[in-house]
C-alpha atoms as a PDB file:
ATOM      1  CA  UNK A   1      14.646  -0.655   9.766  1.00  0.00           C
ATOM      2  CA  UNK A   2      16.331   1.873   7.557  1.00  0.00           C
ATOM      3  CA  UNK A   3      14.076   4.719   6.578  1.00  0.00           C
ATOM      4  CA  UNK A   4      16.052   5.342   3.398  1.00  0.00           C
ATOM      5  CA  UNK A   5      14.738   2.027   2.044  1.00  0.00           C
ATOM      6  CA  UNK A   6      11.147   3.065   2.650  1.00  0.00           C
ATOM      7  CA  UNK A   7      11.773   6.434   1.000  1.00  0.00           C
ATOM      8  CA  UNK A   8      13.027   4.633  -2.105  1.00  0.00           C
ATOM      9  CA  UNK A   9      10.196   2.075  -1.949  1.00  0.00           C
ATOM     10  CA  UNK A  10       7.466   4.721  -1.820  1.00  0.00           C
ATOM     11  CA  UNK A  11       9.217   6.797  -4.496  1.00  0.00           C
ATOM     12  CA  UNK A  12       9.305   3.756  -6.769  1.00  0.00           C
ATOM     13  CA  UNK A  13       5.650   3.064  -5.954  1.00  0.00           C
ATOM     14  CA  UNK A  14       4.779   6.646  -6.889  1.00  0.00           C
ATOM     15  CA  UNK A  15       6.411   6.275 -10.300  1.00  0.00           C
ATOM     16  CA  UNK A  16       5.330   2.709 -11.099  1.00  0.00           C
ATOM     17  CA  UNK A  17       1.831   2.329  -9.630  1.00  0.00           C
ATOM     18  CA  UNK A  18       0.002   4.126 -12.442  1.00  0.00           C
ATOM     19  CA  UNK A  19       1.558   2.143 -15.321  1.00  0.00           C
ATOM     20  CA  UNK A  20       1.197  -1.149 -13.453  1.00  0.00           C
ATOM     21  CA  UNK A  21      -2.011  -0.982 -11.383  1.00  0.00           C
ATOM     22  CA  UNK A  22      -3.492   2.416 -12.240  1.00  0.00           C
ATOM     23  CA  UNK A  23      -6.697   3.063 -14.177  1.00  0.00           C
ATOM     24  CA  UNK A  24      -5.014   2.326 -17.523  1.00  0.00           C
ATOM     25  CA  UNK A  25      -2.330   0.063 -16.081  1.00  0.00           C
ATOM     26  CA  UNK A  26      -1.467  -3.469 -17.057  1.00  0.00           C
ATOM     27  CA  UNK A  27      -3.469  -4.957 -14.159  1.00  0.00           C
ATOM     28  CA  UNK A  28      -5.817  -2.240 -12.857  1.00  0.00           C
ATOM     29  CA  UNK A  29      -6.339  -2.268  -9.097  1.00  0.00           C
ATOM     30  CA  UNK A  30      -9.929  -1.108  -9.553  1.00  0.00           C
ATOM     31  CA  UNK A  31     -10.725  -4.205 -11.614  1.00  0.00           C
ATOM     32  CA  UNK A  32      -8.988  -6.393  -9.027  1.00  0.00           C
ATOM     33  CA  UNK A  33     -11.072  -4.932  -6.193  1.00  0.00           C
ATOM     34  CA  UNK A  34     -14.263  -5.209  -8.244  1.00  0.00           C
ATOM     35  CA  UNK A  35     -13.521  -8.890  -8.882  1.00  0.00           C
ATOM     36  CA  UNK A  36     -12.985  -9.507  -5.172  1.00  0.00           C
ATOM     37  CA  UNK A  37     -16.189  -7.636  -4.386  1.00  0.00           C
ATOM     38  CA  UNK A  38     -18.085  -9.696  -6.987  1.00  0.00           C
ATOM     39  CA  UNK A  39     -16.638 -12.925  -5.538  1.00  0.00           C
ATOM     40  CA  UNK A  40     -18.024 -11.969  -2.129  1.00  0.00           C
ATOM     41  CA  UNK A  41     -21.509 -11.332  -3.621  1.00  0.00           C
ATOM     42  CA  UNK A  42     -21.123  -7.598  -4.140  1.00  0.00           C
ATOM     43  CA  UNK A  43     -20.367  -6.744  -0.542  1.00  0.00           C
ATOM     44  CA  UNK A  44     -17.329  -5.238   1.094  1.00  0.00           C
ATOM     45  CA  UNK A  45     -17.462  -7.182   4.329  1.00  0.00           C
ATOM     46  CA  UNK A  46     -14.888  -8.654   6.675  1.00  0.00           C
ATOM     47  CA  UNK A  47     -14.262 -11.576   4.322  1.00  0.00           C
ATOM     48  CA  UNK A  48     -13.490  -9.284   1.400  1.00  0.00           C
ATOM     49  CA  UNK A  49     -11.376  -7.049   3.624  1.00  0.00           C
ATOM     50  CA  UNK A  50      -9.422 -10.024   4.984  1.00  0.00           C
ATOM     51  CA  UNK A  51      -8.849 -11.280   1.436  1.00  0.00           C
ATOM     52  CA  UNK A  52      -7.348  -7.940   0.409  1.00  0.00           C
ATOM     53  CA  UNK A  53      -6.778  -5.716   3.455  1.00  0.00           C
ATOM     54  CA  UNK A  54      -6.471  -2.203   2.074  1.00  0.00           C
ATOM     55  CA  UNK A  55      -7.844   1.197   3.000  1.00  0.00           C
ATOM     56  CA  UNK A  56      -8.783   1.653  -0.645  1.00  0.00           C
ATOM     57  CA  UNK A  57     -11.974  -0.339   0.087  1.00  0.00           C
ATOM     58  CA  UNK A  58     -13.289   2.676   1.996  1.00  0.00           C
ATOM     59  CA  UNK A  59     -12.527   5.275  -0.693  1.00  0.00           C
ATOM     60  CA  UNK A  60     -14.227   6.328  -3.923  1.00  0.00           C
ATOM     61  CA  UNK A  61     -12.572   4.398  -6.767  1.00  0.00           C
ATOM     62  CA  UNK A  62     -13.508   6.858  -9.514  1.00  0.00           C
ATOM     63  CA  UNK A  63      -9.952   8.217  -9.591  1.00  0.00           C
ATOM     64  CA  UNK A  64      -7.737   5.266  -8.723  1.00  0.00           C
ATOM     65  CA  UNK A  65      -4.585   6.989 -10.017  1.00  0.00           C
ATOM     66  CA  UNK A  66      -5.077   9.826  -7.510  1.00  0.00           C
ATOM     67  CA  UNK A  67      -5.661   7.339  -4.699  1.00  0.00           C
ATOM     68  CA  UNK A  68      -2.483   5.411  -5.555  1.00  0.00           C
ATOM     69  CA  UNK A  69      -0.497   8.656  -5.813  1.00  0.00           C
ATOM     70  CA  UNK A  70      -1.909   9.873  -2.511  1.00  0.00           C
ATOM     71  CA  UNK A  71      -0.917   6.701  -0.674  1.00  0.00           C
ATOM     72  CA  UNK A  72       2.548   6.710  -2.241  1.00  0.00           C
ATOM     73  CA  UNK A  73       3.147  10.378  -1.433  1.00  0.00           C
ATOM     74  CA  UNK A  74       1.865   9.959   2.125  1.00  0.00           C
ATOM     75  CA  UNK A  75       4.269   7.068   2.656  1.00  0.00           C
ATOM     76  CA  UNK A  76       7.069   9.034   1.023  1.00  0.00           C
ATOM     77  CA  UNK A  77       6.380  12.041   3.237  1.00  0.00           C
ATOM     78  CA  UNK A  78       6.330  10.033   6.453  1.00  0.00           C
ATOM     79  CA  UNK A  79       9.452   8.103   5.463  1.00  0.00           C
ATOM     80  CA  UNK A  80      11.295  11.292   4.532  1.00  0.00           C
ATOM     81  CA  UNK A  81      10.287  12.884   7.838  1.00  0.00           C
ATOM     82  CA  UNK A  82      11.679   9.873   9.732  1.00  0.00           C
ATOM     83  CA  UNK A  83      14.860   9.908   7.648  1.00  0.00           C
ATOM     84  CA  UNK A  84      15.501  13.638   8.118  1.00  0.00           C
ATOM     85  CA  UNK A  85      14.573  13.946  11.790  1.00  0.00           C
ATOM     86  CA  UNK A  86      15.585  10.502  12.982  1.00  0.00           C
ATOM     87  CA  UNK A  87      12.382  10.405  15.023  1.00  0.00           C
ATOM     88  CA  UNK A  88      10.120   7.401  14.654  1.00  0.00           C
ATOM     89  CA  UNK A  89       7.354   6.348  16.969  1.00  0.00           C
ATOM     90  CA  UNK A  90       4.658   3.720  16.935  1.00  0.00           C
ATOM     91  CA  UNK A  91       2.119   6.013  15.265  1.00  0.00           C
ATOM     92  CA  UNK A  92       4.420   6.880  12.358  1.00  0.00           C
ATOM     93  CA  UNK A  93       5.573   3.293  11.865  1.00  0.00           C
ATOM     94  CA  UNK A  94       2.022   1.936  12.060  1.00  0.00           C
ATOM     95  CA  UNK A  95       0.835   4.465   9.504  1.00  0.00           C
ATOM     96  CA  UNK A  96       3.707   3.471   7.193  1.00  0.00           C
ATOM     97  CA  UNK A  97       2.767  -0.168   7.610  1.00  0.00           C
ATOM     98  CA  UNK A  98      -0.926   0.506   6.857  1.00  0.00           C
ATOM     99  CA  UNK A  99      -0.063   2.564   3.773  1.00  0.00           C
ATOM    100  CA  UNK A 100       2.358  -0.114   2.612  1.00  0.00           C
ATOM    101  CA  UNK A 101      -0.218  -2.891   3.064  1.00  0.00           C
ATOM    102  CA  UNK A 102      -2.873  -0.836   1.304  1.00  0.00           C
ATOM    103  CA  UNK A 103      -0.671  -0.580  -1.777  1.00  0.00           C
ATOM    104  CA  UNK A 104       0.696  -4.123  -1.673  1.00  0.00           C
ATOM    105  CA  UNK A 105      -2.710  -5.769  -1.391  1.00  0.00           C
ATOM    106  CA  UNK A 106      -3.972  -4.216  -4.614  1.00  0.00           C
ATOM    107  CA  UNK A 107      -0.667  -4.803  -6.405  1.00  0.00           C
ATOM    108  CA  UNK A 108      -1.507  -8.340  -7.518  1.00  0.00           C
ATOM    109  CA  UNK A 109       1.374 -10.104  -9.281  1.00  0.00           C
ATOM    110  CA  UNK A 110       3.623  -7.043  -9.215  1.00  0.00           C
ATOM    111  CA  UNK A 111       4.260  -7.492  -5.512  1.00  0.00           C
ATOM    112  CA  UNK A 112       6.115 -10.766  -5.246  1.00  0.00           C
ATOM    113  CA  UNK A 113       5.457 -12.810  -2.137  1.00  0.00           C
ATOM    114  CA  UNK A 114       9.123 -13.179  -1.152  1.00  0.00           C
ATOM    115  CA  UNK A 115       9.736  -9.469  -1.543  1.00  0.00           C
ATOM    116  CA  UNK A 116       6.601  -8.636   0.410  1.00  0.00           C
ATOM    117  CA  UNK A 117       7.583 -10.803   3.356  1.00  0.00           C
ATOM    118  CA  UNK A 118      11.103  -9.391   3.463  1.00  0.00           C
ATOM    119  CA  UNK A 119       9.954  -5.778   3.418  1.00  0.00           C
ATOM    120  CA  UNK A 120       6.953  -6.296   5.697  1.00  0.00           C
ATOM    121  CA  UNK A 121       8.869  -8.002   8.492  1.00  0.00           C
ATOM    122  CA  UNK A 122      11.076  -5.051   9.536  1.00  0.00           C
ATOM    123  CA  UNK A 123       8.085  -2.691   9.628  1.00  0.00           C
ATOM    124  CA  UNK A 124       6.154  -5.028  11.907  1.00  0.00           C
ATOM    125  CA  UNK A 125       9.200  -5.525  14.169  1.00  0.00           C
ATOM    126  CA  UNK A 126       9.641  -1.783  14.616  1.00  0.00           C
ATOM    127  CA  UNK A 127       5.950  -1.316  15.399  1.00  0.00           C
ATOM    128  CA  UNK A 128       6.122  -3.845  18.230  1.00  0.00           C
ATOM    129  CA  UNK A 129       9.312  -2.437  19.757  1.00  0.00           C
END
């Protein structure tokens, strides 16, 4: 897995998340999570989490733009660290994967299924190595 691709991916996410899935975005992530929560009778339980596995469930949604920026910048920072130092371990790769999944699973139609599978596969391979 090339770390330069993840640097670009998280940089793009940082610039595009707010207009696409931010508080005033085209398809707000907060509304998406509220709809999932409503579907599961107002509870954030294992069923809701398995429907949309994201760490955003456990955060305060009052400032969704800040949450999206924080996840993107955390992923960018970890990816840049791996790119510059050349050091990657299971903890760093797992944290990248969790951050990536947290963003993808609130991305709705903006994260195409084919693209998701192609970019998710190398991260999971590296974690298991």
